[in-house]
Amino acid sequence: MLKSKQAIKEAKRMPLVHIDLIEGRSEEQLKGLVKDVTASIAKNANVPEERIHIVLNEMRPDRYSVAGKMASDK
């Protein structure tokens, strides 16, 4: 089924942001992060805040590596 021009236009105005983090931040820090990211996207992409979706992916340190070393080893 083809989407209407209006549906396509609306979809373009619904940013979906994925943020990957190593776990360990407090609930307060995560709330501050999504608040600030939402405000920045709304301002710079000219999108209403209620259309901005953010997904936080928290990884265990023993499931992430940089330069061949696990983050849990640092």
PDB file of N, CA and C in Angstrom:
ATOM      1  N   MET A   1       0.834  -1.173   0.000  1.00  0.00           N
ATOM      2  CA  MET A   1       0.000   0.000   0.000  1.00  0.00           C
ATOM      3  C   MET A   1       0.889   1.249   0.000  1.00  0.00           C
ATOM      4  N   LEU A   2       0.603   2.190  -0.839  1.00  0.00           N
ATOM      5  CA  LEU A   2       1.368   3.423  -0.908  1.00  0.00           C
ATOM      6  C   LEU A   2       0.944   4.374   0.204  1.00  0.00           C
ATOM      7  N   LYS A   3       1.915   5.036   0.775  1.00  0.00           N
ATOM      8  CA  LYS A   3       1.616   6.021   1.800  1.00  0.00           C
ATOM      9  C   LYS A   3       1.176   7.321   1.143  1.00  0.00           C
ATOM     10  N   SER A   4       0.295   8.006   1.806  1.00  0.00           N
ATOM     11  CA  SER A   4      -0.125   9.304   1.299  1.00  0.00           C
ATOM     12  C   SER A   4       1.014  10.302   1.473  1.00  0.00           C
ATOM     13  N   LYS A   5       0.985  11.368   0.717  1.00  0.00           N
ATOM     14  CA  LYS A   5       2.012  12.399   0.841  1.00  0.00           C
ATOM     15  C   LYS A   5       2.039  12.960   2.252  1.00  0.00           C
ATOM     16  N   GLN A   6       0.857  13.095   2.864  1.00  0.00           N
ATOM     17  CA  GLN A   6       0.788  13.618   4.235  1.00  0.00           C
ATOM     18  C   GLN A   6       1.466  12.655   5.216  1.00  0.00           C
ATOM     19  N   ALA A   7       1.246  11.360   5.057  1.00  0.00           N
ATOM     20  CA  ALA A   7       1.865  10.371   5.952  1.00  0.00           C
ATOM     21  C   ALA A   7       3.383  10.397   5.814  1.00  0.00           C
ATOM     22  N   ILE A   8       3.865  10.523   4.599  1.00  0.00           N
ATOM     23  CA  ILE A   8       5.310  10.597   4.369  1.00  0.00           C
ATOM     24  C   ILE A   8       5.875  11.869   4.987  1.00  0.00           C
ATOM     25  N   LYS A   9       5.182  12.967   4.820  1.00  0.00           N
ATOM     26  CA  LYS A   9       5.619  14.244   5.389  1.00  0.00           C
ATOM     27  C   LYS A   9       5.681  14.146   6.917  1.00  0.00           C
ATOM     28  N   GLU A  10       4.672  13.529   7.529  1.00  0.00           N
ATOM     29  CA  GLU A  10       4.640  13.384   8.978  1.00  0.00           C
ATOM     30  C   GLU A  10       5.764  12.469   9.467  1.00  0.00           C
ATOM     31  N   ALA A  11       6.038  11.389   8.736  1.00  0.00           N
ATOM     32  CA  ALA A  11       7.098  10.458   9.125  1.00  0.00           C
ATOM     33  C   ALA A  11       8.451  11.150   9.135  1.00  0.00           C
ATOM     34  N   LYS A  12       8.661  12.072   8.232  1.00  0.00           N
ATOM     35  CA  LYS A  12       9.917  12.810   8.180  1.00  0.00           C
ATOM     36  C   LYS A  12      10.086  13.711   9.392  1.00  0.00           C
ATOM     37  N   ARG A  13       8.999  14.025  10.051  1.00  0.00           N
ATOM     38  CA  ARG A  13       9.038  14.909  11.202  1.00  0.00           C
ATOM     39  C   ARG A  13       8.977  14.132  12.513  1.00  0.00           C
ATOM     40  N   MET A  14       9.349  12.855  12.482  1.00  0.00           N
ATOM     41  CA  MET A  14       9.349  12.031  13.678  1.00  0.00           C
ATOM     42  C   MET A  14      10.739  11.426  13.854  1.00  0.00           C
ATOM     43  N   PRO A  15      11.686  12.207  14.356  1.00  0.00           N
ATOM     44  CA  PRO A  15      13.024  11.660  14.547  1.00  0.00           C
ATOM     45  C   PRO A  15      13.027  10.504  15.544  1.00  0.00           C
ATOM     46  N   LEU A  16      13.796   9.485  15.229  1.00  0.00           N
ATOM     47  CA  LEU A  16      14.006   8.347  16.114  1.00  0.00           C
ATOM     48  C   LEU A  16      15.501   8.276  16.389  1.00  0.00           C
ATOM     49  N   VAL A  17      15.874   8.492  17.636  1.00  0.00           N
ATOM     50  CA  VAL A  17      17.271   8.572  18.021  1.00  0.00           C
ATOM     51  C   VAL A  17      17.624   7.348  18.867  1.00  0.00           C
ATOM     52  N   HIS A  18      18.723   6.695  18.518  1.00  0.00           N
ATOM     53  CA  HIS A  18      19.233   5.573  19.299  1.00  0.00           C
ATOM     54  C   HIS A  18      20.525   6.019  19.962  1.00  0.00           C
ATOM     55  N   ILE A  19      20.612   5.821  21.268  1.00  0.00           N
ATOM     56  CA  ILE A  19      21.818   6.168  22.016  1.00  0.00           C
ATOM     57  C   ILE A  19      22.303   4.909  22.717  1.00  0.00           C
ATOM     58  N   ASP A  20      23.535   4.510  22.419  1.00  0.00           N
ATOM     59  CA  ASP A  20      24.144   3.344  23.054  1.00  0.00           C
ATOM     60  C   ASP A  20      25.085   3.813  24.155  1.00  0.00           C
ATOM     61  N   LEU A  21      24.906   3.250  25.349  1.00  0.00           N
ATOM     62  CA  LEU A  21      25.711   3.626  26.508  1.00  0.00           C
ATOM     63  C   LEU A  21      26.160   2.377  27.252  1.00  0.00           C
ATOM     64  N   ILE A  22      27.303   2.474  27.904  1.00  0.00           N
ATOM     65  CA  ILE A  22      27.670   1.429  28.845  1.00  0.00           C
ATOM     66  C   ILE A  22      26.871   1.702  30.110  1.00  0.00           C
ATOM     67  N   GLU A  23      26.262   0.675  30.660  1.00  0.00           N
ATOM     68  CA  GLU A  23      25.396   0.848  31.827  1.00  0.00           C
ATOM     69  C   GLU A  23      26.164   1.413  33.009  1.00  0.00           C
ATOM     70  N   GLY A  24      25.411   2.022  33.914  1.00  0.00           N
ATOM     71  CA  GLY A  24      26.024   2.547  35.132  1.00  0.00           C
ATOM     72  C   GLY A  24      25.616   3.968  35.466  1.00  0.00           C
ATOM     73  N   ARG A  25      24.860   4.596  34.587  1.00  0.00           N
ATOM     74  CA  ARG A  25      24.401   5.949  34.872  1.00  0.00           C
ATOM     75  C   ARG A  25      23.117   5.906  35.693  1.00  0.00           C
ATOM     76  N   SER A  26      22.918   6.926  36.500  1.00  0.00           N
ATOM     77  CA  SER A  26      21.726   6.980  37.348  1.00  0.00           C
ATOM     78  C   SER A  26      20.495   7.334  36.507  1.00  0.00           C
ATOM     79  N   GLU A  27      19.348   7.078  37.077  1.00  0.00           N
ATOM     80  CA  GLU A  27      18.091   7.444  36.424  1.00  0.00           C
ATOM     81  C   GLU A  27      18.045   8.953  36.172  1.00  0.00           C
ATOM     82  N   GLU A  28      18.558   9.722  37.124  1.00  0.00           N
ATOM     83  CA  GLU A  28      18.596  11.184  36.981  1.00  0.00           C
ATOM     84  C   GLU A  28      19.466  11.597  35.790  1.00  0.00           C
ATOM     85  N   GLN A  29      20.611  10.950  35.610  1.00  0.00           N
ATOM     86  CA  GLN A  29      21.493  11.260  34.483  1.00  0.00           C
ATOM     87  C   GLN A  29      20.816  10.911  33.152  1.00  0.00           C
ATOM     88  N   LEU A  30      20.154   9.772  33.096  1.00  0.00           N
ATOM     89  CA  LEU A  30      19.479   9.372  31.860  1.00  0.00           C
ATOM     90  C   LEU A  30      18.337  10.320  31.518  1.00  0.00           C
ATOM     91  N   LYS A  31      17.588  10.743  32.530  1.00  0.00           N
ATOM     92  CA  LYS A  31      16.499  11.699  32.299  1.00  0.00           C
ATOM     93  C   LYS A  31      17.043  13.024  31.781  1.00  0.00           C
ATOM     94  N   GLY A  32      18.163  13.478  32.346  1.00  0.00           N
ATOM     95  CA  GLY A  32      18.790  14.706  31.877  1.00  0.00           C
ATOM     96  C   GLY A  32      19.277  14.577  30.439  1.00  0.00           C
ATOM     97  N   LEU A  33      19.832  13.423  30.116  1.00  0.00           N
ATOM     98  CA  LEU A  33      20.309  13.178  28.758  1.00  0.00           C
ATOM     99  C   LEU A  33      19.180  13.261  27.751  1.00  0.00           C
ATOM    100  N   VAL A  34      18.088  12.536  28.004  1.00  0.00           N
ATOM    101  CA  VAL A  34      16.996  12.554  27.023  1.00  0.00           C
ATOM    102  C   VAL A  34      16.325  13.925  26.953  1.00  0.00           C
ATOM    103  N   LYS A  35      16.289  14.633  28.065  1.00  0.00           N
ATOM    104  CA  LYS A  35      15.727  15.993  28.049  1.00  0.00           C
ATOM    105  C   LYS A  35      16.566  16.914  27.166  1.00  0.00           C
ATOM    106  N   ASP A  36      17.890  16.863  27.342  1.00  0.00           N
ATOM    107  CA  ASP A  36      18.784  17.729  26.573  1.00  0.00           C
ATOM    108  C   ASP A  36      18.816  17.355  25.092  1.00  0.00           C
ATOM    109  N   VAL A  37      18.856  16.055  24.793  1.00  0.00           N
ATOM    110  CA  VAL A  37      18.870  15.613  23.397  1.00  0.00           C
ATOM    111  C   VAL A  37      17.565  16.006  22.712  1.00  0.00           C
ATOM    112  N   THR A  38      16.453  15.818  23.406  1.00  0.00           N
ATOM    113  CA  THR A  38      15.151  16.195  22.842  1.00  0.00           C
ATOM    114  C   THR A  38      15.114  17.685  22.525  1.00  0.00           C
ATOM    115  N   ALA A  39      15.547  18.504  23.467  1.00  0.00           N
ATOM    116  CA  ALA A  39      15.538  19.958  23.255  1.00  0.00           C
ATOM    117  C   ALA A  39      16.426  20.352  22.080  1.00  0.00           C
ATOM    118  N   SER A  40      17.582  19.734  21.961  1.00  0.00           N
ATOM    119  CA  SER A  40      18.504  20.059  20.871  1.00  0.00           C
ATOM    120  C   SER A  40      17.926  19.680  19.512  1.00  0.00           C
ATOM    121  N   ILE A  41      17.334  18.496  19.424  1.00  0.00           N
ATOM    122  CA  ILE A  41      16.730  18.077  18.159  1.00  0.00           C
ATOM    123  C   ILE A  41      15.566  18.972  17.800  1.00  0.00           C
ATOM    124  N   ALA A  42      14.732  19.281  18.776  1.00  0.00           N
ATOM    125  CA  ALA A  42      13.584  20.150  18.516  1.00  0.00           C
ATOM    126  C   ALA A  42      14.042  21.501  17.963  1.00  0.00           C
ATOM    127  N   LYS A  43      15.072  22.058  18.572  1.00  0.00           N
ATOM    128  CA  LYS A  43      15.584  23.355  18.150  1.00  0.00           C
ATOM    129  C   LYS A  43      16.240  23.300  16.767  1.00  0.00           C
ATOM    130  N   ASN A  44      17.119  22.343  16.558  1.00  0.00           N
ATOM    131  CA  ASN A  44      17.935  22.311  15.350  1.00  0.00           C
ATOM    132  C   ASN A  44      17.285  21.637  14.154  1.00  0.00           C
ATOM    133  N   ALA A  45      16.305  20.773  14.407  1.00  0.00           N
ATOM    134  CA  ALA A  45      15.621  20.092  13.300  1.00  0.00           C
ATOM    135  C   ALA A  45      14.210  20.639  13.097  1.00  0.00           C
ATOM    136  N   ASN A  46      13.853  21.634  13.919  1.00  0.00           N
ATOM    137  CA  ASN A  46      12.535  22.258  13.811  1.00  0.00           C
ATOM    138  C   ASN A  46      11.415  21.216  13.881  1.00  0.00           C
ATOM    139  N   VAL A  47      11.480  20.394  14.929  1.00  0.00           N
ATOM    140  CA  VAL A  47      10.502  19.329  15.145  1.00  0.00           C
ATOM    141  C   VAL A  47       9.903  19.509  16.539  1.00  0.00           C
ATOM    142  N   PRO A  48       8.591  19.384  16.678  1.00  0.00           N
ATOM    143  CA  PRO A  48       7.988  19.476  18.019  1.00  0.00           C
ATOM    144  C   PRO A  48       8.514  18.357  18.930  1.00  0.00           C
ATOM    145  N   GLU A  49       8.760  18.674  20.179  1.00  0.00           N
ATOM    146  CA  GLU A  49       9.305  17.691  21.118  1.00  0.00           C
ATOM    147  C   GLU A  49       8.454  16.428  21.210  1.00  0.00           C
ATOM    148  N   GLU A  50       7.151  16.563  21.099  1.00  0.00           N
ATOM    149  CA  GLU A  50       6.275  15.388  21.240  1.00  0.00           C
ATOM    150  C   GLU A  50       6.424  14.390  20.091  1.00  0.00           C
ATOM    151  N   ARG A  51       7.138  14.744  19.039  1.00  0.00           N
ATOM    152  CA  ARG A  51       7.352  13.825  17.911  1.00  0.00           C
ATOM    153  C   ARG A  51       8.717  13.152  17.959  1.00  0.00           C
ATOM    154  N   ILE A  52       9.515  13.509  18.940  1.00  0.00           N
ATOM    155  CA  ILE A  52      10.873  12.975  19.040  1.00  0.00           C
ATOM    156  C   ILE A  52      10.875  11.726  19.924  1.00  0.00           C
ATOM    157  N   HIS A  53      11.420  10.652  19.376  1.00  0.00           N
ATOM    158  CA  HIS A  53      11.501   9.381  20.092  1.00  0.00           C
ATOM    159  C   HIS A  53      12.973   9.065  20.337  1.00  0.00           C
ATOM    160  N   ILE A  54      13.284   8.624  21.561  1.00  0.00           N
ATOM    161  CA  ILE A  54      14.666   8.275  21.912  1.00  0.00           C
ATOM    162  C   ILE A  54      14.676   6.879  22.517  1.00  0.00           C
ATOM    163  N   VAL A  55      15.595   6.052  22.040  1.00  0.00           N
ATOM    164  CA  VAL A  55      15.786   4.705  22.577  1.00  0.00           C
ATOM    165  C   VAL A  55      17.168   4.655  23.217  1.00  0.00           C
ATOM    166  N   LEU A  56      17.216   4.327  24.505  1.00  0.00           N
ATOM    167  CA  LEU A  56      18.484   4.165  25.200  1.00  0.00           C
ATOM    168  C   LEU A  56      18.820   2.679  25.267  1.00  0.00           C
ATOM    169  N   ASN A  57      19.987   2.323  24.771  1.00  0.00           N
ATOM    170  CA  ASN A  57      20.473   0.947  24.829  1.00  0.00           C
ATOM    171  C   ASN A  57      21.652   0.918  25.782  1.00  0.00           C
ATOM    172  N   GLU A  58      21.468   0.256  26.916  1.00  0.00           N
ATOM    173  CA  GLU A  58      22.552   0.159  27.887  1.00  0.00           C
ATOM    174  C   GLU A  58      23.216  -1.211  27.775  1.00  0.00           C
ATOM    175  N   MET A  59      24.534  -1.191  27.623  1.00  0.00           N
ATOM    176  CA  MET A  59      25.308  -2.422  27.472  1.00  0.00           C
ATOM    177  C   MET A  59      26.103  -2.695  28.742  1.00  0.00           C
ATOM    178  N   ARG A  60      26.277  -3.959  29.044  1.00  0.00           N
ATOM    179  CA  ARG A  60      27.157  -4.341  30.141  1.00  0.00           C
ATOM    180  C   ARG A  60      28.597  -4.070  29.700  1.00  0.00           C
ATOM    181  N   PRO A  61      29.455  -3.648  30.613  1.00  0.00           N
ATOM    182  CA  PRO A  61      30.846  -3.379  30.252  1.00  0.00           C
ATOM    183  C   PRO A  61      31.571  -4.599  29.684  1.00  0.00           C
ATOM    184  N   ASP A  62      31.132  -5.788  30.057  1.00  0.00           N
ATOM    185  CA  ASP A  62      31.793  -6.985  29.541  1.00  0.00           C
ATOM    186  C   ASP A  62      31.233  -7.414  28.188  1.00  0.00           C
ATOM    187  N   ARG A  63      30.443  -6.566  27.569  1.00  0.00           N
ATOM    188  CA  ARG A  63      29.894  -6.830  26.235  1.00  0.00           C
ATOM    189  C   ARG A  63      30.254  -5.728  25.245  1.00  0.00           C
ATOM    190  N   TYR A  64      31.292  -4.943  25.580  1.00  0.00           N
ATOM    191  CA  TYR A  64      31.711  -3.827  24.728  1.00  0.00           C
ATOM    192  C   TYR A  64      33.228  -3.741  24.770  1.00  0.00           C
ATOM    193  N   SER A  65      33.833  -3.524  23.624  1.00  0.00           N
ATOM    194  CA  SER A  65      35.287  -3.416  23.594  1.00  0.00           C
ATOM    195  C   SER A  65      35.737  -2.281  22.691  1.00  0.00           C
ATOM    196  N   VAL A  66      36.947  -1.786  22.964  1.00  0.00           N
ATOM    197  CA  VAL A  66      37.600  -0.774  22.141  1.00  0.00           C
ATOM    198  C   VAL A  66      39.046  -1.231  21.968  1.00  0.00           C
ATOM    199  N   ALA A  67      39.506  -1.238  20.731  1.00  0.00           N
ATOM    200  CA  ALA A  67      40.893  -1.609  20.419  1.00  0.00           C
ATOM    201  C   ALA A  67      41.267  -2.981  20.980  1.00  0.00           C
ATOM    202  N   GLY A  68      40.315  -3.907  20.961  1.00  0.00           N
ATOM    203  CA  GLY A  68      40.583  -5.260  21.394  1.00  0.00           C
ATOM    204  C   GLY A  68      40.555  -5.481  22.897  1.00  0.00           C
ATOM    205  N   LYS A  69      40.160  -4.465  23.655  1.00  0.00           N
ATOM    206  CA  LYS A  69      40.095  -4.595  25.105  1.00  0.00           C
ATOM    207  C   LYS A  69      38.665  -4.355  25.566  1.00  0.00           C
ATOM    208  N   MET A  70      38.202  -5.235  26.438  1.00  0.00           N
ATOM    209  CA  MET A  70      36.854  -5.111  26.967  1.00  0.00           C
ATOM    210  C   MET A  70      36.766  -3.872  27.868  1.00  0.00           C
ATOM    211  N   ALA A  71      35.658  -3.184  27.794  1.00  0.00           N
ATOM    212  CA  ALA A  71      35.461  -2.007  28.641  1.00  0.00           C
ATOM    213  C   ALA A  71      35.515  -2.378  30.116  1.00  0.00           C
ATOM    214  N   SER A  72      35.124  -3.607  30.439  1.00  0.00           N
ATOM    215  CA  SER A  72      35.153  -4.058  31.838  1.00  0.00           C
ATOM    216  C   SER A  72      36.570  -4.234  32.362  1.00  0.00           C
ATOM    217  N   ASP A  73      37.566  -4.283  31.487  1.00  0.00           N
ATOM    218  CA  ASP A  73      38.960  -4.444  31.908  1.00  0.00           C
ATOM    219  C   ASP A  73      39.640  -3.109  32.191  1.00  0.00           C
ATOM    220  N   LYS A  74      38.974  -2.032  31.943  1.00  0.00           N
ATOM    221  CA  LYS A  74      39.590  -0.709  32.127  1.00  0.00           C
ATOM    222  C   LYS A  74      39.409  -0.220  33.544  1.00  0.00           C
TER     223      LYS A  74
END
